[in-house]
Amino acid sequence: ASHMKTSSCRMSSDNMRQHVCSAKQQLLNICSSVENDIANARAAMSGFEKSAMCAIAAVSVLLASPTISHADFTQEQALAADVWSVVDATFVDRTFNNHDWMKLRQNVVKRDYTDRQQAYDAISKDLLEPLGDKYTR
């Protein structure tokens, strides 16, 4: 996975808003494209294959898309929130393997991360692993 490097200089609030809006639009475009691909693939798949495909697509979208900054979140917390949102929208098992999906989100998003790798590790171990889908990492 590639890691997005951030500049150490500060952006003006107008530039930050433009950056966030642009990133959101890019993510929406990517999600729309993935949703269309998933819809086409679902027609030809079994239930297990559908679950695996959705999980893979969600993780792929997140790894390929820019991080959207949320005003009250660090970049790492925003990343965790964004992963949760994509999986929430696309994961086939609506019981989320019988886990309290909102509580998992709260636990991962509220943490103070020292770096992006720590956030990736928490997302993988504490958010995606409990889903019990071997294709979701």
N, C-alpha and C. Protein backbone atom coordinates (compact mmCIF):
# COMPACT_ATOMS: atom_id res chain seq x y z
N ALA A 1 0.84 -1.18 0.00
CA ALA A 1 0.00 0.00 0.00
C ALA A 1 0.87 1.23 0.00
N SER A 2 0.46 2.22 -0.74
CA SER A 2 1.24 3.46 -0.74
C SER A 2 0.71 4.37 0.36
N HIS A 3 1.61 5.15 0.90
CA HIS A 3 1.23 6.06 1.96
C HIS A 3 1.28 7.47 1.43
N MET A 4 0.24 8.24 1.70
CA MET A 4 0.17 9.62 1.24
C MET A 4 1.04 10.48 2.13
N LYS A 5 1.97 11.24 1.55
CA LYS A 5 2.83 12.11 2.33
C LYS A 5 2.14 13.45 2.48
N THR A 6 2.26 14.03 3.66
CA THR A 6 1.64 15.33 3.90
C THR A 6 2.71 16.38 4.02
N SER A 7 2.38 17.56 3.58
CA SER A 7 3.31 18.68 3.65
C SER A 7 3.34 19.21 5.07
N SER A 8 4.51 19.70 5.48
CA SER A 8 4.62 20.24 6.82
C SER A 8 4.11 21.68 6.88
N CYS A 9 3.88 22.30 5.72
CA CYS A 9 3.37 23.68 5.74
C CYS A 9 1.86 23.66 5.97
N ARG A 10 1.36 24.74 6.51
CA ARG A 10 -0.08 24.82 6.81
C ARG A 10 -0.84 25.40 5.62
N MET A 11 -2.04 24.90 5.40
CA MET A 11 -2.90 25.42 4.35
C MET A 11 -3.86 26.43 4.95
N SER A 12 -4.28 27.37 4.13
CA SER A 12 -5.31 28.29 4.60
C SER A 12 -6.61 27.51 4.72
N SER A 13 -7.57 28.05 5.46
CA SER A 13 -8.83 27.32 5.64
C SER A 13 -9.57 27.16 4.31
N ASP A 14 -9.48 28.17 3.41
CA ASP A 14 -10.12 28.04 2.09
C ASP A 14 -9.45 26.93 1.27
N ASN A 15 -8.12 26.89 1.31
CA ASN A 15 -7.41 25.83 0.59
C ASN A 15 -7.73 24.47 1.17
N MET A 16 -7.83 24.39 2.49
CA MET A 16 -8.16 23.12 3.14
C MET A 16 -9.56 22.67 2.74
N ARG A 17 -10.52 23.61 2.72
CA ARG A 17 -11.88 23.26 2.31
C ARG A 17 -11.90 22.75 0.87
N GLN A 18 -11.16 23.43 -0.02
CA GLN A 18 -11.10 22.99 -1.41
C GLN A 18 -10.47 21.60 -1.50
N HIS A 19 -9.41 21.38 -0.74
CA HIS A 19 -8.74 20.08 -0.74
C HIS A 19 -9.69 18.99 -0.25
N VAL A 20 -10.40 19.26 0.83
CA VAL A 20 -11.34 18.28 1.38
C VAL A 20 -12.47 18.01 0.40
N CYS A 21 -13.02 19.07 -0.21
CA CYS A 21 -14.11 18.88 -1.18
C CYS A 21 -13.63 18.07 -2.38
N SER A 22 -12.43 18.38 -2.85
CA SER A 22 -11.88 17.64 -3.98
C SER A 22 -11.66 16.17 -3.61
N ALA A 23 -11.12 15.93 -2.43
CA ALA A 23 -10.89 14.55 -1.98
C ALA A 23 -12.21 13.80 -1.82
N LYS A 24 -13.21 14.47 -1.27
CA LYS A 24 -14.53 13.83 -1.11
C LYS A 24 -15.11 13.46 -2.47
N GLN A 25 -15.00 14.37 -3.45
CA GLN A 25 -15.54 14.10 -4.78
C GLN A 25 -14.81 12.93 -5.42
N GLN A 26 -13.48 12.89 -5.27
CA GLN A 26 -12.72 11.77 -5.81
C GLN A 26 -13.15 10.46 -5.18
N LEU A 27 -13.34 10.46 -3.87
CA LEU A 27 -13.77 9.25 -3.17
C LEU A 27 -15.17 8.83 -3.62
N LEU A 28 -16.07 9.80 -3.78
CA LEU A 28 -17.42 9.48 -4.26
C LEU A 28 -17.38 8.88 -5.66
N ASN A 29 -16.54 9.43 -6.54
CA ASN A 29 -16.40 8.89 -7.89
C ASN A 29 -15.86 7.47 -7.85
N ILE A 30 -14.86 7.23 -7.03
CA ILE A 30 -14.28 5.89 -6.91
C ILE A 30 -15.33 4.92 -6.36
N CYS A 31 -16.04 5.35 -5.32
CA CYS A 31 -17.07 4.48 -4.71
C CYS A 31 -18.17 4.15 -5.72
N SER A 32 -18.58 5.14 -6.51
CA SER A 32 -19.61 4.91 -7.51
C SER A 32 -19.15 3.88 -8.53
N SER A 33 -17.91 4.01 -8.97
CA SER A 33 -17.35 3.06 -9.93
C SER A 33 -17.28 1.66 -9.33
N VAL A 34 -16.84 1.58 -8.07
CA VAL A 34 -16.74 0.28 -7.40
C VAL A 34 -18.13 -0.32 -7.20
N GLU A 35 -19.11 0.51 -6.84
CA GLU A 35 -20.48 0.01 -6.66
C GLU A 35 -21.00 -0.60 -7.95
N ASN A 36 -20.74 0.06 -9.09
CA ASN A 36 -21.17 -0.49 -10.38
C ASN A 36 -20.47 -1.81 -10.67
N ASP A 37 -19.17 -1.87 -10.42
CA ASP A 37 -18.43 -3.12 -10.63
C ASP A 37 -18.96 -4.23 -9.73
N ILE A 38 -19.26 -3.89 -8.48
CA ILE A 38 -19.78 -4.88 -7.54
C ILE A 38 -21.15 -5.36 -7.98
N ALA A 39 -22.00 -4.45 -8.42
CA ALA A 39 -23.34 -4.83 -8.87
C ALA A 39 -23.26 -5.82 -10.03
N ASN A 40 -22.36 -5.56 -10.97
CA ASN A 40 -22.19 -6.48 -12.10
C ASN A 40 -21.64 -7.82 -11.65
N ALA A 41 -20.70 -7.80 -10.72
CA ALA A 41 -20.09 -9.04 -10.25
C ALA A 41 -21.05 -9.86 -9.40
N ARG A 42 -21.91 -9.19 -8.63
CA ARG A 42 -22.84 -9.90 -7.74
C ARG A 42 -23.77 -10.82 -8.49
N ALA A 43 -24.16 -10.43 -9.68
CA ALA A 43 -25.10 -11.23 -10.46
C ALA A 43 -24.55 -12.62 -10.76
N ALA A 44 -23.23 -12.75 -10.80
CA ALA A 44 -22.62 -14.02 -11.18
C ALA A 44 -21.97 -14.76 -10.01
N MET A 45 -22.18 -14.31 -8.78
CA MET A 45 -21.47 -14.90 -7.65
C MET A 45 -22.38 -15.57 -6.64
N SER A 46 -21.78 -16.51 -5.89
CA SER A 46 -22.47 -17.13 -4.76
C SER A 46 -22.44 -16.16 -3.58
N GLY A 47 -23.14 -16.48 -2.51
CA GLY A 47 -23.18 -15.63 -1.32
C GLY A 47 -21.81 -15.39 -0.71
N PHE A 48 -21.01 -16.44 -0.59
CA PHE A 48 -19.67 -16.29 -0.02
C PHE A 48 -18.80 -15.43 -0.91
N GLU A 49 -18.87 -15.67 -2.21
CA GLU A 49 -18.07 -14.87 -3.14
C GLU A 49 -18.48 -13.40 -3.10
N LYS A 50 -19.79 -13.14 -2.93
CA LYS A 50 -20.26 -11.76 -2.83
C LYS A 50 -19.66 -11.06 -1.61
N SER A 51 -19.67 -11.75 -0.48
CA SER A 51 -19.11 -11.17 0.74
C SER A 51 -17.63 -10.87 0.57
N ALA A 52 -16.90 -11.80 0.02
CA ALA A 52 -15.46 -11.62 -0.19
C ALA A 52 -15.19 -10.48 -1.15
N MET A 53 -15.96 -10.39 -2.23
CA MET A 53 -15.76 -9.33 -3.23
C MET A 53 -16.01 -7.95 -2.62
N CYS A 54 -17.05 -7.81 -1.84
CA CYS A 54 -17.35 -6.52 -1.21
C CYS A 54 -16.25 -6.10 -0.25
N ALA A 55 -15.77 -7.04 0.52
CA ALA A 55 -14.70 -6.71 1.46
C ALA A 55 -13.43 -6.30 0.74
N ILE A 56 -13.08 -7.01 -0.31
CA ILE A 56 -11.89 -6.67 -1.09
C ILE A 56 -12.05 -5.31 -1.74
N ALA A 57 -13.22 -5.05 -2.29
CA ALA A 57 -13.46 -3.76 -2.94
C ALA A 57 -13.36 -2.61 -1.95
N ALA A 58 -13.91 -2.80 -0.77
CA ALA A 58 -13.87 -1.73 0.24
C ALA A 58 -12.44 -1.39 0.62
N VAL A 59 -11.64 -2.40 0.87
CA VAL A 59 -10.25 -2.16 1.25
C VAL A 59 -9.48 -1.56 0.08
N SER A 60 -9.74 -2.03 -1.13
CA SER A 60 -9.05 -1.48 -2.31
C SER A 60 -9.36 -0.01 -2.51
N VAL A 61 -10.61 0.37 -2.34
CA VAL A 61 -10.99 1.77 -2.49
C VAL A 61 -10.24 2.62 -1.48
N LEU A 62 -10.17 2.16 -0.28
CA LEU A 62 -9.50 2.95 0.76
C LEU A 62 -8.01 3.07 0.54
N LEU A 63 -7.39 2.02 0.07
CA LEU A 63 -5.95 2.08 -0.16
C LEU A 63 -5.60 2.94 -1.36
N ALA A 64 -6.53 3.05 -2.32
CA ALA A 64 -6.25 3.81 -3.54
C ALA A 64 -6.72 5.25 -3.47
N SER A 65 -7.51 5.61 -2.49
CA SER A 65 -8.11 6.94 -2.46
C SER A 65 -7.44 7.84 -1.43
N PRO A 66 -7.56 9.14 -1.63
CA PRO A 66 -6.97 10.08 -0.67
C PRO A 66 -7.73 10.07 0.64
N THR A 67 -7.05 10.41 1.69
CA THR A 67 -7.69 10.51 3.00
C THR A 67 -8.48 11.80 3.07
N ILE A 68 -9.71 11.71 3.53
CA ILE A 68 -10.53 12.90 3.70
C ILE A 68 -10.34 13.39 5.12
N SER A 69 -9.98 14.64 5.26
CA SER A 69 -9.77 15.21 6.59
C SER A 69 -11.11 15.61 7.19
N HIS A 70 -11.32 15.26 8.42
CA HIS A 70 -12.50 15.67 9.17
C HIS A 70 -12.01 16.71 10.17
N ALA A 71 -12.75 17.77 10.32
CA ALA A 71 -12.30 18.92 11.12
C ALA A 71 -11.84 18.53 12.53
N ASP A 72 -12.54 17.61 13.17
CA ASP A 72 -12.23 17.27 14.55
C ASP A 72 -11.34 16.03 14.68
N PHE A 73 -10.89 15.47 13.57
CA PHE A 73 -10.10 14.25 13.60
C PHE A 73 -8.67 14.52 13.13
N THR A 74 -7.75 13.73 13.65
CA THR A 74 -6.42 13.69 13.05
C THR A 74 -6.55 12.95 11.73
N GLN A 75 -5.53 12.98 10.89
CA GLN A 75 -5.59 12.25 9.63
C GLN A 75 -5.77 10.75 9.87
N GLU A 76 -5.13 10.24 10.90
CA GLU A 76 -5.24 8.81 11.20
C GLU A 76 -6.65 8.45 11.67
N GLN A 77 -7.26 9.30 12.49
CA GLN A 77 -8.63 9.05 12.95
C GLN A 77 -9.60 9.15 11.77
N ALA A 78 -9.37 10.12 10.88
CA ALA A 78 -10.21 10.26 9.69
C ALA A 78 -10.11 9.02 8.80
N LEU A 79 -8.90 8.47 8.67
CA LEU A 79 -8.71 7.25 7.90
C LEU A 79 -9.54 6.12 8.49
N ALA A 80 -9.49 5.94 9.80
CA ALA A 80 -10.27 4.89 10.46
C ALA A 80 -11.76 5.09 10.23
N ALA A 81 -12.23 6.33 10.34
CA ALA A 81 -13.65 6.64 10.11
C ALA A 81 -14.04 6.34 8.67
N ASP A 82 -13.17 6.66 7.72
CA ASP A 82 -13.46 6.42 6.31
C ASP A 82 -13.51 4.93 5.99
N VAL A 83 -12.59 4.15 6.56
CA VAL A 83 -12.61 2.70 6.36
C VAL A 83 -13.92 2.14 6.90
N TRP A 84 -14.29 2.56 8.10
CA TRP A 84 -15.53 2.09 8.70
C TRP A 84 -16.71 2.40 7.77
N SER A 85 -16.76 3.62 7.22
CA SER A 85 -17.88 4.03 6.37
C SER A 85 -17.99 3.18 5.10
N VAL A 86 -16.86 2.92 4.47
CA VAL A 86 -16.89 2.12 3.24
C VAL A 86 -17.32 0.69 3.54
N VAL A 87 -16.78 0.10 4.59
CA VAL A 87 -17.18 -1.26 4.94
C VAL A 87 -18.65 -1.29 5.35
N ASP A 88 -19.09 -0.28 6.09
CA ASP A 88 -20.50 -0.20 6.49
C ASP A 88 -21.41 -0.18 5.27
N ALA A 89 -21.00 0.52 4.23
CA ALA A 89 -21.83 0.65 3.04
C ALA A 89 -21.78 -0.57 2.13
N THR A 90 -20.71 -1.37 2.20
CA THR A 90 -20.54 -2.43 1.20
C THR A 90 -20.48 -3.85 1.75
N PHE A 91 -20.32 -4.03 3.04
CA PHE A 91 -20.17 -5.38 3.57
C PHE A 91 -21.50 -6.11 3.52
N VAL A 92 -21.51 -7.30 2.96
CA VAL A 92 -22.76 -8.04 2.74
C VAL A 92 -23.40 -8.50 4.05
N ASP A 93 -22.62 -8.98 5.00
CA ASP A 93 -23.14 -9.48 6.28
C ASP A 93 -23.55 -8.29 7.14
N ARG A 94 -24.83 -7.95 7.12
CA ARG A 94 -25.32 -6.77 7.83
C ARG A 94 -25.28 -6.93 9.35
N THR A 95 -24.98 -8.14 9.85
CA THR A 95 -24.79 -8.30 11.30
C THR A 95 -23.34 -8.03 11.69
N PHE A 96 -22.48 -7.85 10.69
CA PHE A 96 -21.06 -7.62 10.91
C PHE A 96 -20.48 -8.69 11.85
N ASN A 97 -20.81 -9.95 11.50
CA ASN A 97 -20.34 -11.11 12.25
C ASN A 97 -20.75 -11.01 13.73
N ASN A 98 -21.94 -10.49 13.95
CA ASN A 98 -22.54 -10.34 15.28
C ASN A 98 -21.73 -9.44 16.22
N HIS A 99 -21.10 -8.41 15.67
CA HIS A 99 -20.37 -7.42 16.46
C HIS A 99 -21.15 -6.11 16.48
N ASP A 100 -20.95 -5.34 17.53
CA ASP A 100 -21.51 -3.99 17.61
C ASP A 100 -20.65 -3.10 16.72
N TRP A 101 -21.08 -2.94 15.48
CA TRP A 101 -20.28 -2.26 14.46
C TRP A 101 -20.00 -0.80 14.83
N MET A 102 -20.98 -0.13 15.41
CA MET A 102 -20.78 1.27 15.82
C MET A 102 -19.76 1.36 16.95
N LYS A 103 -19.80 0.41 17.87
CA LYS A 103 -18.83 0.43 18.98
C LYS A 103 -17.41 0.18 18.47
N LEU A 104 -17.27 -0.74 17.50
CA LEU A 104 -15.95 -0.96 16.91
C LEU A 104 -15.43 0.34 16.29
N ARG A 105 -16.32 1.07 15.61
CA ARG A 105 -15.92 2.35 15.01
C ARG A 105 -15.45 3.32 16.08
N GLN A 106 -16.25 3.47 17.11
CA GLN A 106 -15.91 4.42 18.17
C GLN A 106 -14.56 4.09 18.80
N ASN A 107 -14.32 2.81 19.05
CA ASN A 107 -13.06 2.40 19.67
C ASN A 107 -11.85 2.70 18.78
N VAL A 108 -11.99 2.52 17.48
CA VAL A 108 -10.86 2.74 16.58
C VAL A 108 -10.68 4.22 16.27
N VAL A 109 -11.77 4.96 16.11
CA VAL A 109 -11.68 6.37 15.73
C VAL A 109 -11.21 7.26 16.88
N LYS A 110 -11.56 6.93 18.10
CA LYS A 110 -11.24 7.83 19.22
C LYS A 110 -9.78 7.75 19.68
N ARG A 111 -9.03 6.78 19.20
CA ARG A 111 -7.65 6.60 19.65
C ARG A 111 -6.74 7.73 19.16
N ASP A 112 -5.68 7.96 19.92
CA ASP A 112 -4.63 8.89 19.52
C ASP A 112 -3.50 8.07 18.91
N TYR A 113 -3.33 8.18 17.60
CA TYR A 113 -2.31 7.43 16.89
C TYR A 113 -1.03 8.26 16.78
N THR A 114 0.11 7.59 16.89
CA THR A 114 1.39 8.30 16.75
C THR A 114 1.82 8.40 15.29
N ASP A 115 1.31 7.48 14.45
CA ASP A 115 1.63 7.54 13.02
C ASP A 115 0.60 6.74 12.23
N ARG A 116 0.69 6.84 10.92
CA ARG A 116 -0.27 6.20 10.02
C ARG A 116 -0.22 4.67 10.13
N GLN A 117 0.97 4.12 10.30
CA GLN A 117 1.09 2.66 10.40
C GLN A 117 0.34 2.13 11.62
N GLN A 118 0.40 2.86 12.71
CA GLN A 118 -0.34 2.46 13.92
C GLN A 118 -1.84 2.44 13.63
N ALA A 119 -2.31 3.41 12.85
CA ALA A 119 -3.73 3.44 12.48
C ALA A 119 -4.07 2.25 11.58
N TYR A 120 -3.22 1.96 10.58
CA TYR A 120 -3.46 0.80 9.71
C TYR A 120 -3.54 -0.49 10.53
N ASP A 121 -2.63 -0.64 11.48
CA ASP A 121 -2.62 -1.84 12.32
C ASP A 121 -3.91 -1.96 13.13
N ALA A 122 -4.37 -0.85 13.71
CA ALA A 122 -5.61 -0.87 14.50
C ALA A 122 -6.81 -1.16 13.62
N ILE A 123 -6.85 -0.57 12.44
CA ILE A 123 -7.96 -0.82 11.51
C ILE A 123 -8.01 -2.30 11.15
N SER A 124 -6.87 -2.86 10.84
CA SER A 124 -6.81 -4.27 10.46
C SER A 124 -7.20 -5.19 11.61
N LYS A 125 -6.59 -4.99 12.77
CA LYS A 125 -6.79 -5.89 13.91
C LYS A 125 -8.12 -5.67 14.63
N ASP A 126 -8.48 -4.42 14.87
CA ASP A 126 -9.62 -4.13 15.74
C ASP A 126 -10.91 -3.78 15.00
N LEU A 127 -10.83 -3.51 13.69
CA LEU A 127 -12.03 -3.16 12.94
C LEU A 127 -12.38 -4.23 11.92
N LEU A 128 -11.40 -4.66 11.13
CA LEU A 128 -11.68 -5.61 10.05
C LEU A 128 -11.59 -7.07 10.47
N GLU A 129 -10.61 -7.41 11.29
CA GLU A 129 -10.43 -8.80 11.72
C GLU A 129 -11.68 -9.37 12.41
N PRO A 130 -12.36 -8.61 13.29
CA PRO A 130 -13.56 -9.16 13.94
C PRO A 130 -14.67 -9.56 12.98
N LEU A 131 -14.63 -9.06 11.74
CA LEU A 131 -15.66 -9.42 10.77
C LEU A 131 -15.58 -10.89 10.37
N GLY A 132 -14.42 -11.51 10.60
CA GLY A 132 -14.28 -12.94 10.35
C GLY A 132 -14.24 -13.32 8.88
N ASP A 133 -13.96 -12.37 8.00
CA ASP A 133 -13.88 -12.65 6.57
C ASP A 133 -12.41 -12.73 6.19
N LYS A 134 -11.96 -13.90 5.77
CA LYS A 134 -10.53 -14.08 5.53
C LYS A 134 -10.01 -13.22 4.39
N TYR A 135 -10.90 -12.65 3.58
CA TYR A 135 -10.46 -11.80 2.48
C TYR A 135 -10.40 -10.32 2.87
N THR A 136 -10.84 -10.01 4.06
CA THR A 136 -10.80 -8.63 4.54
C THR A 136 -9.60 -8.48 5.45
N ARG A 137 -8.68 -7.60 5.06
CA ARG A 137 -7.46 -7.43 5.86
C ARG A 137 -7.27 -5.98 6.19
